[in-house]
Amino acid sequence: MKVLTFGEIMLRLKAPGVERFFQSPSMEATFGGGEANVAVSLANYGMDAAFLTVLPNNMLGDEAVKELRKLGVDTSKIIRGKGRLGIYFLEGGANQLPSKVVYDRDYSAIALAKQGSIDWDKAFEGVDWFHITGITPAISESAMELSLESVKAAKAKNIIVSCDLNFRKNLWEYGKKAPEVMTELAEYVDIAVANEEDCQKSLGISIDVNVEDGKLDRNAYKELSDKVLKEYPNMKMIAITLRESQSADINGWAACLNDRENFYVSRKYEIRDIVDRVGGGDSFAGGLIYGLNNYMDKKEALEFAVAASCLKHSIHGDFNRVSVSDVEKLAGGDASGRVQR
């Protein structure tokens, strides 16, 4: 199974620990981005994972490629173009102080890439599964056009398409609103990943849930997932993550999966002393792709995805640096965190 993910990888500049921006003169520099994070997860699990993006032809672009290669991701499909490497700045948050993200990604190489600039026949050679998110079409109008072009080309080749809806309120600044684009893109999606806010603000499908109050009624998510599947008859299943945010440090974490025939709900994890929650959704998507390809039981696939994402909350950086055995131990009930000798 060859998986290709498509999107933007950025330079991540984070204030140290839980400090605020410029509280100290240094920042932690790493790389990250939704679709790249998924590719790294899959490579960690031993899957054949490739990442496609457009990078500037300079040292920063070179370093991003080196980092992905080091982690086992196939970078042969990456192309170079005009523009820059996008940056995002991150404050970690603590207790009642939320994490904050500031984007500096205008005029990035992928934001400037034009419709028709990627040879999709070549990009999809040998590919069985294609993953995209709602972030890429939010970057710029041309990135939106490329995103729609990609899913249409994938479906024409009978490639499985998964999409994490990933609504980002700080993007979508080029004139179109998320539902104008995402409702069309979703028509080509086989497997969707979302939370309740993504469904509301990307697809215009909602239930009576307050996404800000930190309390989640799992029973309502059967209704929400049914609504999405009814609206998109070509969609085979949707997974919805359930995050209960008590504070920046304490979250409840679970998920559900609706495959039209059954509705599965995972176990719930109580995550305390969160190290880094950025990339948590991406690690769920990567875990779900792995699980659906390696377990016969969809409930088992869901549990793998939730456990993978739970572990990500204890790892610095965007990338989920865990193995299959790490995830299976937690999914199997070993949540002690005891030293493994």
C-alpha atoms as a PDB file:
ATOM      1  CA  MET A   1       0.000   0.000   0.000  1.00  0.00           C
ATOM      2  CA  LYS A   2       1.569   3.264  -1.162  1.00  0.00           C
ATOM      3  CA  VAL A   3       0.198   6.393   0.514  1.00  0.00           C
ATOM      4  CA  LEU A   4       0.755   9.892  -0.851  1.00  0.00           C
ATOM      5  CA  THR A   5       0.010  12.981   1.215  1.00  0.00           C
ATOM      6  CA  PHE A   6      -0.146  16.482  -0.286  1.00  0.00           C
ATOM      7  CA  GLY A   7       0.168  19.820   1.464  1.00  0.00           C
ATOM      8  CA  GLU A   8       2.500  22.378   2.989  1.00  0.00           C
ATOM      9  CA  ILE A   9       5.408  21.736   5.326  1.00  0.00           C
ATOM     10  CA  MET A  10       6.487  24.766   7.341  1.00  0.00           C
ATOM     11  CA  LEU A  11       9.241  25.926   9.604  1.00  0.00           C
ATOM     12  CA  ARG A  12       7.883  25.777  13.157  1.00  0.00           C
ATOM     13  CA  LEU A  13       9.254  28.354  15.596  1.00  0.00           C
ATOM     14  CA  LYS A  14       8.113  27.704  19.169  1.00  0.00           C
ATOM     15  CA  ALA A  15       8.660  29.687  22.330  1.00  0.00           C
ATOM     16  CA  PRO A  16      10.617  27.485  24.774  1.00  0.00           C
ATOM     17  CA  GLY A  17       8.523  25.404  27.181  1.00  0.00           C
ATOM     18  CA  VAL A  18       5.382  27.308  28.094  1.00  0.00           C
ATOM     19  CA  GLU A  19       6.914  30.747  27.639  1.00  0.00           C
ATOM     20  CA  ARG A  20       5.166  33.450  25.669  1.00  0.00           C
ATOM     21  CA  PHE A  21       6.582  34.884  22.449  1.00  0.00           C
ATOM     22  CA  PHE A  22       9.915  36.659  22.984  1.00  0.00           C
ATOM     23  CA  GLN A  23       9.861  36.088  26.727  1.00  0.00           C
ATOM     24  CA  SER A  24      13.344  34.749  26.062  1.00  0.00           C
ATOM     25  CA  PRO A  25      15.552  35.512  23.030  1.00  0.00           C
ATOM     26  CA  SER A  26      15.494  31.982  21.610  1.00  0.00           C
ATOM     27  CA  MET A  27      12.898  29.875  19.777  1.00  0.00           C
ATOM     28  CA  GLU A  28      12.849  26.143  19.018  1.00  0.00           C
ATOM     29  CA  ALA A  29      13.097  25.505  15.270  1.00  0.00           C
ATOM     30  CA  THR A  30      11.588  22.342  13.780  1.00  0.00           C
ATOM     31  CA  PHE A  31       9.370  21.450  10.815  1.00  0.00           C
ATOM     32  CA  GLY A  32       5.713  20.507  10.652  1.00  0.00           C
ATOM     33  CA  GLY A  33       2.496  20.585   8.686  1.00  0.00           C
ATOM     34  CA  GLY A  34      -0.668  18.517   8.674  1.00  0.00           C
ATOM     35  CA  GLU A  35      -0.046  16.297   5.671  1.00  0.00           C
ATOM     36  CA  ALA A  36       3.685  15.932   6.347  1.00  0.00           C
ATOM     37  CA  ASN A  37       2.845  14.876   9.900  1.00  0.00           C
ATOM     38  CA  VAL A  38       0.607  12.112   8.547  1.00  0.00           C
ATOM     39  CA  ALA A  39       3.349  10.890   6.199  1.00  0.00           C
ATOM     40  CA  VAL A  40       5.833  10.731   9.085  1.00  0.00           C
ATOM     41  CA  SER A  41       3.395   8.721  11.210  1.00  0.00           C
ATOM     42  CA  LEU A  42       2.863   6.210   8.409  1.00  0.00           C
ATOM     43  CA  ALA A  43       6.600   5.892   7.767  1.00  0.00           C
ATOM     44  CA  ASN A  44       7.126   5.261  11.498  1.00  0.00           C
ATOM     45  CA  TYR A  45       4.626   2.411  11.242  1.00  0.00           C
ATOM     46  CA  GLY A  46       6.552   0.866   8.348  1.00  0.00           C
ATOM     47  CA  MET A  47       4.174   1.898   5.573  1.00  0.00           C
ATOM     48  CA  ASP A  48       5.333   3.177   2.190  1.00  0.00           C
ATOM     49  CA  ALA A  49       4.567   6.881   2.620  1.00  0.00           C
ATOM     50  CA  ALA A  50       5.390   9.738   0.253  1.00  0.00           C
ATOM     51  CA  PHE A  51       4.889  13.472   0.670  1.00  0.00           C
ATOM     52  CA  LEU A  52       4.205  15.908  -2.161  1.00  0.00           C
ATOM     53  CA  THR A  53       4.623  19.647  -1.792  1.00  0.00           C
ATOM     54  CA  VAL A  54       6.244  22.630  -3.467  1.00  0.00           C
ATOM     55  CA  LEU A  55       9.359  23.942  -1.714  1.00  0.00           C
ATOM     56  CA  PRO A  56      11.689  26.853  -2.385  1.00  0.00           C
ATOM     57  CA  ASN A  57      14.999  25.976  -3.988  1.00  0.00           C
ATOM     58  CA  ASN A  58      17.134  27.132  -1.067  1.00  0.00           C
ATOM     59  CA  MET A  59      18.739  25.797   2.125  1.00  0.00           C
ATOM     60  CA  LEU A  60      15.499  25.884   4.102  1.00  0.00           C
ATOM     61  CA  GLY A  61      13.765  23.775   1.481  1.00  0.00           C
ATOM     62  CA  ASP A  62      16.744  21.413   1.494  1.00  0.00           C
ATOM     63  CA  GLU A  63      16.603  21.030   5.275  1.00  0.00           C
ATOM     64  CA  ALA A  64      12.876  20.256   5.211  1.00  0.00           C
ATOM     65  CA  VAL A  65      13.540  17.484   2.684  1.00  0.00           C
ATOM     66  CA  LYS A  66      16.427  16.128   4.782  1.00  0.00           C
ATOM     67  CA  GLU A  67      14.220  15.978   7.874  1.00  0.00           C
ATOM     68  CA  LEU A  68      11.513  14.016   6.067  1.00  0.00           C
ATOM     69  CA  ARG A  69      14.048  11.625   4.527  1.00  0.00           C
ATOM     70  CA  LYS A  70      15.603  11.037   7.933  1.00  0.00           C
ATOM     71  CA  LEU A  71      12.204   9.915   9.181  1.00  0.00           C
ATOM     72  CA  GLY A  72      11.665   7.485   6.311  1.00  0.00           C
ATOM     73  CA  VAL A  73       9.314   9.538   4.119  1.00  0.00           C
ATOM     74  CA  ASP A  74       9.655   9.266   0.332  1.00  0.00           C
ATOM     75  CA  THR A  75      10.444  12.807  -0.875  1.00  0.00           C
ATOM     76  CA  SER A  76      10.975  11.967  -4.544  1.00  0.00           C
ATOM     77  CA  LYS A  77       7.691  13.592  -5.565  1.00  0.00           C
ATOM     78  CA  ILE A  78       8.501  16.998  -4.001  1.00  0.00           C
ATOM     79  CA  ILE A  79       8.967  19.771  -6.557  1.00  0.00           C
ATOM     80  CA  ARG A  80      10.729  23.117  -6.274  1.00  0.00           C
ATOM     81  CA  GLY A  81       9.272  26.471  -7.188  1.00  0.00           C
ATOM     82  CA  LYS A  82       9.345  30.204  -6.596  1.00  0.00           C
ATOM     83  CA  GLY A  83       8.446  31.561  -3.184  1.00  0.00           C
ATOM     84  CA  ARG A  84       9.502  30.912   0.362  1.00  0.00           C
ATOM     85  CA  LEU A  85       9.096  28.370   3.126  1.00  0.00           C
ATOM     86  CA  GLY A  86       6.057  29.157   5.246  1.00  0.00           C
ATOM     87  CA  ILE A  87       6.528  29.670   8.980  1.00  0.00           C
ATOM     88  CA  TYR A  88       4.274  29.235  11.951  1.00  0.00           C
ATOM     89  CA  PHE A  89       4.965  30.550  15.430  1.00  0.00           C
ATOM     90  CA  LEU A  90       3.682  28.631  18.442  1.00  0.00           C
ATOM     91  CA  GLU A  91       3.084  29.356  22.104  1.00  0.00           C
ATOM     92  CA  GLY A  92       2.556  26.124  24.006  1.00  0.00           C
ATOM     93  CA  GLY A  93      -0.017  27.359  26.532  1.00  0.00           C
ATOM     94  CA  ALA A  94      -0.564  26.053  30.045  1.00  0.00           C
ATOM     95  CA  ASN A  95      -3.525  25.589  32.371  1.00  0.00           C
ATOM     96  CA  GLN A  96      -6.133  28.201  31.377  1.00  0.00           C
ATOM     97  CA  LEU A  97      -3.759  29.970  28.959  1.00  0.00           C
ATOM     98  CA  PRO A  98      -4.451  28.471  25.516  1.00  0.00           C
ATOM     99  CA  SER A  99      -1.886  27.582  22.886  1.00  0.00           C
ATOM    100  CA  LYS A 100      -1.549  30.229  20.201  1.00  0.00           C
ATOM    101  CA  VAL A 101      -0.490  29.931  16.563  1.00  0.00           C
ATOM    102  CA  VAL A 102       0.577  32.809  14.311  1.00  0.00           C
ATOM    103  CA  TYR A 103       0.950  32.009  10.607  1.00  0.00           C
ATOM    104  CA  ASP A 104       3.508  33.647   8.326  1.00  0.00           C
ATOM    105  CA  ARG A 105       2.916  31.689   5.152  1.00  0.00           C
ATOM    106  CA  ASP A 106       1.883  34.249   2.515  1.00  0.00           C
ATOM    107  CA  TYR A 107       3.821  33.822  -0.736  1.00  0.00           C
ATOM    108  CA  SER A 108       5.100  30.395   0.255  1.00  0.00           C
ATOM    109  CA  ALA A 109       6.134  28.170  -2.639  1.00  0.00           C
ATOM    110  CA  ILE A 110       2.996  26.052  -2.432  1.00  0.00           C
ATOM    111  CA  ALA A 111       0.776  29.122  -2.058  1.00  0.00           C
ATOM    112  CA  LEU A 112       2.184  30.460  -5.336  1.00  0.00           C
ATOM    113  CA  ALA A 113       2.032  27.159  -7.258  1.00  0.00           C
ATOM    114  CA  LYS A 114      -0.500  27.423 -10.069  1.00  0.00           C
ATOM    115  CA  GLN A 115      -3.184  25.046 -11.264  1.00  0.00           C
ATOM    116  CA  GLY A 116      -1.557  22.683 -13.761  1.00  0.00           C
ATOM    117  CA  SER A 117       1.912  23.012 -12.238  1.00  0.00           C
ATOM    118  CA  ILE A 118       1.815  19.470 -10.833  1.00  0.00           C
ATOM    119  CA  ASP A 119       1.752  16.463 -13.151  1.00  0.00           C
ATOM    120  CA  TRP A 120      -0.809  14.336 -11.317  1.00  0.00           C
ATOM    121  CA  ASP A 121      -0.306  11.356 -13.614  1.00  0.00           C
ATOM    122  CA  LYS A 122       3.320  11.273 -12.510  1.00  0.00           C
ATOM    123  CA  ALA A 123       2.538  12.095  -8.882  1.00  0.00           C
ATOM    124  CA  PHE A 124       0.051   9.236  -8.596  1.00  0.00           C
ATOM    125  CA  GLU A 125       2.279   6.569 -10.169  1.00  0.00           C
ATOM    126  CA  GLY A 126       2.139   3.525  -7.886  1.00  0.00           C
ATOM    127  CA  VAL A 127      -0.119   5.300  -5.363  1.00  0.00           C
ATOM    128  CA  ASP A 128      -3.029   3.436  -3.745  1.00  0.00           C
ATOM    129  CA  TRP A 129      -4.159   5.989  -1.145  1.00  0.00           C
ATOM    130  CA  PHE A 130      -4.161   9.804  -1.264  1.00  0.00           C
ATOM    131  CA  HIS A 131      -4.463  12.025   1.820  1.00  0.00           C
ATOM    132  CA  ILE A 132      -5.175  15.738   1.897  1.00  0.00           C
ATOM    133  CA  THR A 133      -6.519  18.177   4.481  1.00  0.00           C
ATOM    134  CA  GLY A 134      -8.664  21.292   4.573  1.00  0.00           C
ATOM    135  CA  ILE A 135      -5.554  23.360   5.324  1.00  0.00           C
ATOM    136  CA  THR A 136      -4.073  23.328   1.823  1.00  0.00           C
ATOM    137  CA  PRO A 137      -7.132  24.783   0.040  1.00  0.00           C
ATOM    138  CA  ALA A 138      -7.266  27.493   2.722  1.00  0.00           C
ATOM    139  CA  ILE A 139      -3.759  28.806   1.994  1.00  0.00           C
ATOM    140  CA  SER A 140      -4.414  30.610  -1.290  1.00  0.00           C
ATOM    141  CA  GLU A 141      -6.705  30.547  -4.296  1.00  0.00           C
ATOM    142  CA  SER A 142      -4.133  28.712  -6.407  1.00  0.00           C
ATOM    143  CA  ALA A 143      -3.538  26.148  -3.635  1.00  0.00           C
ATOM    144  CA  MET A 144      -7.299  25.661  -3.500  1.00  0.00           C
ATOM    145  CA  GLU A 145      -7.368  25.014  -7.239  1.00  0.00           C
ATOM    146  CA  LEU A 146      -4.519  22.510  -6.897  1.00  0.00           C
ATOM    147  CA  SER A 147      -6.353  20.758  -4.056  1.00  0.00           C
ATOM    148  CA  LEU A 148      -9.513  20.292  -6.117  1.00  0.00           C
ATOM    149  CA  GLU A 149      -7.412  19.221  -9.084  1.00  0.00           C
ATOM    150  CA  SER A 150      -5.666  16.604  -6.921  1.00  0.00           C
ATOM    151  CA  VAL A 151      -8.775  14.865  -5.574  1.00  0.00           C
ATOM    152  CA  LYS A 152     -10.419  14.811  -8.992  1.00  0.00           C
ATOM    153  CA  ALA A 153      -7.308  13.236 -10.515  1.00  0.00           C
ATOM    154  CA  ALA A 154      -7.082  10.704  -7.682  1.00  0.00           C
ATOM    155  CA  LYS A 155     -10.694   9.608  -8.073  1.00  0.00           C
ATOM    156  CA  ALA A 156     -10.263   9.300 -11.841  1.00  0.00           C
ATOM    157  CA  LYS A 157      -7.548   6.734 -11.078  1.00  0.00           C
ATOM    158  CA  ASN A 158      -9.674   4.905  -8.461  1.00  0.00           C
ATOM    159  CA  ILE A 159      -7.260   5.890  -5.692  1.00  0.00           C
ATOM    160  CA  ILE A 160      -8.723   5.945  -2.172  1.00  0.00           C
ATOM    161  CA  VAL A 161      -9.004   9.556  -0.959  1.00  0.00           C
ATOM    162  CA  SER A 162      -8.952  10.500   2.716  1.00  0.00           C
ATOM    163  CA  CYS A 163      -9.356  14.044   3.973  1.00  0.00           C
ATOM    164  CA  ASP A 164      -8.982  15.632   7.387  1.00  0.00           C
ATOM    165  CA  LEU A 165     -11.304  18.630   7.143  1.00  0.00           C
ATOM    166  CA  ASN A 166      -9.060  20.680   9.477  1.00  0.00           C
ATOM    167  CA  PHE A 167     -10.870  24.034   9.625  1.00  0.00           C
ATOM    168  CA  ARG A 168      -8.450  26.877  10.425  1.00  0.00           C
ATOM    169  CA  LYS A 169     -10.104  30.182  11.261  1.00  0.00           C
ATOM    170  CA  ASN A 170      -6.835  32.090  10.801  1.00  0.00           C
ATOM    171  CA  LEU A 171      -6.651  31.045   7.140  1.00  0.00           C
ATOM    172  CA  TRP A 172      -9.261  31.436   4.340  1.00  0.00           C
ATOM    173  CA  GLU A 173      -8.245  35.038   3.681  1.00  0.00           C
ATOM    174  CA  TYR A 174      -8.172  35.093  -0.134  1.00  0.00           C
ATOM    175  CA  GLY A 175     -11.878  35.696  -0.684  1.00  0.00           C
ATOM    176  CA  LYS A 176     -13.576  32.320  -0.403  1.00  0.00           C
ATOM    177  CA  LYS A 177     -15.160  30.855   2.714  1.00  0.00           C
ATOM    178  CA  ALA A 178     -14.406  27.296   3.772  1.00  0.00           C
ATOM    179  CA  PRO A 179     -17.825  25.806   2.851  1.00  0.00           C
ATOM    180  CA  GLU A 180     -17.611  27.207  -0.699  1.00  0.00           C
ATOM    181  CA  VAL A 181     -14.578  24.991  -1.321  1.00  0.00           C
ATOM    182  CA  MET A 182     -14.808  22.109   1.129  1.00  0.00           C
ATOM    183  CA  THR A 183     -18.330  21.080   0.133  1.00  0.00           C
ATOM    184  CA  GLU A 184     -17.046  20.480  -3.399  1.00  0.00           C
ATOM    185  CA  LEU A 185     -13.841  18.772  -2.286  1.00  0.00           C
ATOM    186  CA  ALA A 186     -15.775  16.448   0.034  1.00  0.00           C
ATOM    187  CA  GLU A 187     -17.637  14.992  -2.953  1.00  0.00           C
ATOM    188  CA  TYR A 188     -14.410  13.183  -3.906  1.00  0.00           C
ATOM    189  CA  VAL A 189     -13.568  11.900  -0.412  1.00  0.00           C
ATOM    190  CA  ASP A 190     -13.906   8.238   0.576  1.00  0.00           C
ATOM    191  CA  ILE A 191     -12.855   8.604   4.219  1.00  0.00           C
ATOM    192  CA  ALA A 192     -13.265  11.833   6.159  1.00  0.00           C
ATOM    193  CA  VAL A 193     -11.707  12.822   9.471  1.00  0.00           C
ATOM    194  CA  ALA A 194     -13.108  15.751  11.403  1.00  0.00           C
ATOM    195  CA  ASN A 195     -14.198  17.180  14.706  1.00  0.00           C
ATOM    196  CA  GLU A 196     -17.547  18.799  15.334  1.00  0.00           C
ATOM    197  CA  GLU A 197     -16.230  22.288  14.504  1.00  0.00           C
ATOM    198  CA  ASP A 198     -14.820  21.076  11.172  1.00  0.00           C
ATOM    199  CA  CYS A 199     -18.223  19.702  10.181  1.00  0.00           C
ATOM    200  CA  GLN A 200     -19.961  22.932  11.142  1.00  0.00           C
ATOM    201  CA  LYS A 201     -17.536  25.451   9.667  1.00  0.00           C
ATOM    202  CA  SER A 202     -16.227  23.535   6.651  1.00  0.00           C
ATOM    203  CA  LEU A 203     -19.331  21.657   5.510  1.00  0.00           C
ATOM    204  CA  GLY A 204     -22.121  23.697   7.099  1.00  0.00           C
ATOM    205  CA  ILE A 205     -23.441  20.593   8.886  1.00  0.00           C
ATOM    206  CA  SER A 206     -24.126  20.982  12.581  1.00  0.00           C
ATOM    207  CA  ILE A 207     -25.781  19.533  15.645  1.00  0.00           C
ATOM    208  CA  ASP A 208     -26.771  21.197  18.883  1.00  0.00           C
ATOM    209  CA  VAL A 209     -23.317  21.146  20.482  1.00  0.00           C
ATOM    210  CA  ASN A 210     -21.309  24.022  21.936  1.00  0.00           C
ATOM    211  CA  VAL A 211     -17.785  23.442  20.624  1.00  0.00           C
ATOM    212  CA  GLU A 212     -16.284  25.918  23.107  1.00  0.00           C
ATOM    213  CA  ASP A 213     -17.571  24.585  26.447  1.00  0.00           C
ATOM    214  CA  GLY A 214     -15.276  21.538  26.654  1.00  0.00           C
ATOM    215  CA  LYS A 215     -18.094  19.021  27.271  1.00  0.00           C
ATOM    216  CA  LEU A 216     -19.080  16.587  24.561  1.00  0.00           C
ATOM    217  CA  ASP A 217     -22.208  14.483  24.151  1.00  0.00           C
ATOM    218  CA  ARG A 218     -21.024  11.387  22.305  1.00  0.00           C
ATOM    219  CA  ASN A 219     -24.566  10.354  21.451  1.00  0.00           C
ATOM    220  CA  ALA A 220     -24.955  13.472  19.333  1.00  0.00           C
ATOM    221  CA  TYR A 221     -22.074  12.424  17.091  1.00  0.00           C
ATOM    222  CA  LYS A 222     -24.027   9.548  15.633  1.00  0.00           C
ATOM    223  CA  GLU A 223     -26.511  12.134  14.377  1.00  0.00           C
ATOM    224  CA  LEU A 224     -23.706  14.385  13.095  1.00  0.00           C
ATOM    225  CA  SER A 225     -21.888  11.611  11.226  1.00  0.00           C
ATOM    226  CA  ASP A 226     -25.176  10.353   9.750  1.00  0.00           C
ATOM    227  CA  LYS A 227     -25.871  13.864   8.444  1.00  0.00           C
ATOM    228  CA  VAL A 228     -22.474  14.078   6.768  1.00  0.00           C
ATOM    229  CA  LEU A 229     -22.796  10.645   5.149  1.00  0.00           C
ATOM    230  CA  LYS A 230     -26.293  11.469   3.917  1.00  0.00           C
ATOM    231  CA  GLU A 231     -25.051  14.700   2.352  1.00  0.00           C
ATOM    232  CA  TYR A 232     -22.129  12.924   0.652  1.00  0.00           C
ATOM    233  CA  PRO A 233     -23.327   9.556  -0.697  1.00  0.00           C
ATOM    234  CA  ASN A 234     -19.898   8.716  -2.165  1.00  0.00           C
ATOM    235  CA  MET A 235     -18.241   8.961   1.243  1.00  0.00           C
ATOM    236  CA  LYS A 236     -17.703   5.518   2.728  1.00  0.00           C
ATOM    237  CA  MET A 237     -17.013   6.513   6.333  1.00  0.00           C
ATOM    238  CA  ILE A 238     -16.279   9.405   8.637  1.00  0.00           C
ATOM    239  CA  ALA A 239     -14.296   9.459  11.867  1.00  0.00           C
ATOM    240  CA  ILE A 240     -14.965  12.238  14.362  1.00  0.00           C
ATOM    241  CA  THR A 241     -12.546  13.049  17.157  1.00  0.00           C
ATOM    242  CA  LEU A 242     -13.983  13.965  20.548  1.00  0.00           C
ATOM    243  CA  ARG A 243     -11.826  16.333  22.589  1.00  0.00           C
ATOM    244  CA  GLU A 244     -12.973  17.495  26.024  1.00  0.00           C
ATOM    245  CA  SER A 245     -10.796  20.484  26.906  1.00  0.00           C
ATOM    246  CA  GLN A 246     -10.733  21.111  30.624  1.00  0.00           C
ATOM    247  CA  SER A 247      -7.606  23.243  30.257  1.00  0.00           C
ATOM    248  CA  ALA A 248      -4.518  23.484  28.050  1.00  0.00           C
ATOM    249  CA  ASP A 249      -2.981  20.720  30.204  1.00  0.00           C
ATOM    250  CA  ILE A 250      -5.937  18.366  30.721  1.00  0.00           C
ATOM    251  CA  ASN A 251      -7.959  16.917  27.845  1.00  0.00           C
ATOM    252  CA  GLY A 252     -10.294  13.999  27.442  1.00  0.00           C
ATOM    253  CA  TRP A 253      -9.659  12.247  24.127  1.00  0.00           C
ATOM    254  CA  ALA A 254     -11.774   9.747  22.193  1.00  0.00           C
ATOM    255  CA  ALA A 255     -13.238   9.245  18.718  1.00  0.00           C
ATOM    256  CA  CYS A 256     -16.064   7.618  16.842  1.00  0.00           C
ATOM    257  CA  LEU A 257     -16.328   6.037  13.401  1.00  0.00           C
ATOM    258  CA  ASN A 258     -19.414   5.688  11.213  1.00  0.00           C
ATOM    259  CA  ASP A 259     -19.074   3.363   8.200  1.00  0.00           C
ATOM    260  CA  ARG A 260     -22.793   3.499   7.280  1.00  0.00           C
ATOM    261  CA  GLU A 261     -23.346   0.018   8.709  1.00  0.00           C
ATOM    262  CA  ASN A 262     -21.962   0.447  12.219  1.00  0.00           C
ATOM    263  CA  PHE A 263     -21.182   3.250  14.643  1.00  0.00           C
ATOM    264  CA  TYR A 264     -18.079   2.649  16.751  1.00  0.00           C
ATOM    265  CA  VAL A 265     -16.964   4.627  19.794  1.00  0.00           C
ATOM    266  CA  SER A 266     -13.440   4.285  21.174  1.00  0.00           C
ATOM    267  CA  ARG A 267     -12.285   4.203  24.756  1.00  0.00           C
ATOM    268  CA  LYS A 268     -11.680   7.610  26.309  1.00  0.00           C
ATOM    269  CA  TYR A 269      -8.245   8.718  27.493  1.00  0.00           C
ATOM    270  CA  GLU A 270      -7.716  11.276  30.225  1.00  0.00           C
ATOM    271  CA  ILE A 271      -4.587  13.143  29.111  1.00  0.00           C
ATOM    272  CA  ARG A 272      -2.884  15.191  31.815  1.00  0.00           C
ATOM    273  CA  ASP A 273       0.260  17.329  31.740  1.00  0.00           C
ATOM    274  CA  ILE A 274       0.084  17.698  27.968  1.00  0.00           C
ATOM    275  CA  VAL A 275       3.517  18.221  26.433  1.00  0.00           C
ATOM    276  CA  ASP A 276       2.433  19.261  22.914  1.00  0.00           C
ATOM    277  CA  ARG A 277      -1.014  18.866  21.394  1.00  0.00           C
ATOM    278  CA  VAL A 278      -0.094  20.249  17.967  1.00  0.00           C
ATOM    279  CA  GLY A 279      -0.278  17.399  15.474  1.00  0.00           C
ATOM    280  CA  GLY A 280      -2.700  15.410  17.619  1.00  0.00           C
ATOM    281  CA  GLY A 281      -5.322  15.306  14.883  1.00  0.00           C
ATOM    282  CA  ASP A 282      -2.728  14.426  12.255  1.00  0.00           C
ATOM    283  CA  SER A 283      -1.492  11.528  14.388  1.00  0.00           C
ATOM    284  CA  PHE A 284      -5.092  10.324  14.613  1.00  0.00           C
ATOM    285  CA  ALA A 285      -5.476  10.473  10.822  1.00  0.00           C
ATOM    286  CA  GLY A 286      -2.183   8.624  10.326  1.00  0.00           C
ATOM    287  CA  GLY A 287      -3.192   6.012  12.868  1.00  0.00           C
ATOM    288  CA  LEU A 288      -6.565   5.528  11.203  1.00  0.00           C
ATOM    289  CA  ILE A 289      -5.008   5.054   7.755  1.00  0.00           C
ATOM    290  CA  TYR A 290      -2.620   2.480   9.218  1.00  0.00           C
ATOM    291  CA  GLY A 291      -5.378   0.756  11.179  1.00  0.00           C
ATOM    292  CA  LEU A 292      -7.789   0.478   8.259  1.00  0.00           C
ATOM    293  CA  ASN A 293      -5.025  -1.104   6.168  1.00  0.00           C
ATOM    294  CA  ASN A 294      -3.724  -3.519   8.796  1.00  0.00           C
ATOM    295  CA  TYR A 295      -6.670  -4.631  10.954  1.00  0.00           C
ATOM    296  CA  MET A 296      -9.771  -6.454   9.805  1.00  0.00           C
ATOM    297  CA  ASP A 297     -11.844  -4.952  12.620  1.00  0.00           C
ATOM    298  CA  LYS A 298     -12.709  -1.267  12.168  1.00  0.00           C
ATOM    299  CA  LYS A 299     -13.162  -0.857  15.904  1.00  0.00           C
ATOM    300  CA  GLU A 300      -9.577  -2.052  16.328  1.00  0.00           C
ATOM    301  CA  ALA A 301      -8.451   0.437  13.673  1.00  0.00           C
ATOM    302  CA  LEU A 302     -10.254   3.220  15.536  1.00  0.00           C
ATOM    303  CA  GLU A 303      -8.664   2.240  18.844  1.00  0.00           C
ATOM    304  CA  PHE A 304      -5.224   2.266  17.224  1.00  0.00           C
ATOM    305  CA  ALA A 305      -5.814   5.775  15.865  1.00  0.00           C
ATOM    306  CA  VAL A 306      -7.009   7.151  19.210  1.00  0.00           C
ATOM    307  CA  ALA A 307      -4.120   5.559  21.094  1.00  0.00           C
ATOM    308  CA  ALA A 308      -1.611   6.935  18.572  1.00  0.00           C
ATOM    309  CA  SER A 309      -3.016  10.415  18.989  1.00  0.00           C
ATOM    310  CA  CYS A 310      -3.082  10.097  22.773  1.00  0.00           C
ATOM    311  CA  LEU A 311       0.648   9.301  22.750  1.00  0.00           C
ATOM    312  CA  LYS A 312       1.376  12.301  20.517  1.00  0.00           C
ATOM    313  CA  HIS A 313       0.284  14.630  23.337  1.00  0.00           C
ATOM    314  CA  SER A 314       3.431  13.542  25.218  1.00  0.00           C
ATOM    315  CA  ILE A 315       5.876  14.241  22.377  1.00  0.00           C
ATOM    316  CA  HIS A 316       7.484  17.571  21.495  1.00  0.00           C
ATOM    317  CA  GLY A 317       7.131  18.772  17.925  1.00  0.00           C
ATOM    318  CA  ASP A 318       4.612  18.174  15.151  1.00  0.00           C
ATOM    319  CA  PHE A 319       5.712  14.627  14.361  1.00  0.00           C
ATOM    320  CA  ASN A 320       4.381  11.587  16.217  1.00  0.00           C
ATOM    321  CA  ARG A 321       7.574   9.650  16.928  1.00  0.00           C
ATOM    322  CA  VAL A 322       6.027   6.359  18.022  1.00  0.00           C
ATOM    323  CA  SER A 323       6.098   2.806  16.686  1.00  0.00           C
ATOM    324  CA  VAL A 324       3.330   0.300  16.060  1.00  0.00           C
ATOM    325  CA  SER A 325       4.293  -1.574  19.221  1.00  0.00           C
ATOM    326  CA  ASP A 326       4.108   1.647  21.289  1.00  0.00           C
ATOM    327  CA  VAL A 327       0.583   2.264  20.051  1.00  0.00           C
ATOM    328  CA  GLU A 328      -0.591  -1.336  20.340  1.00  0.00           C
ATOM    329  CA  LYS A 329       0.553  -1.489  23.968  1.00  0.00           C
ATOM    330  CA  LEU A 330      -1.562   1.517  24.870  1.00  0.00           C
ATOM    331  CA  ALA A 331      -4.510   0.401  22.755  1.00  0.00           C
ATOM    332  CA  GLY A 332      -4.267  -2.983  24.465  1.00  0.00           C
ATOM    333  CA  GLY A 333      -4.684  -1.412  27.896  1.00  0.00           C
ATOM    334  CA  ASP A 334      -1.115  -0.725  29.081  1.00  0.00           C
ATOM    335  CA  ALA A 335      -1.369   2.935  30.080  1.00  0.00           C
ATOM    336  CA  SER A 336       0.954   2.739  33.089  1.00  0.00           C
ATOM    337  CA  GLY A 337       3.875   4.564  31.490  1.00  0.00           C
ATOM    338  CA  ARG A 338       6.247   2.321  33.453  1.00  0.00           C
ATOM    339  CA  VAL A 339       9.847   1.947  32.317  1.00  0.00           C
ATOM    340  CA  GLN A 340      10.137  -0.725  29.621  1.00  0.00           C
ATOM    341  CA  ARG A 341      13.205  -2.915  30.218  1.00  0.00           C
END
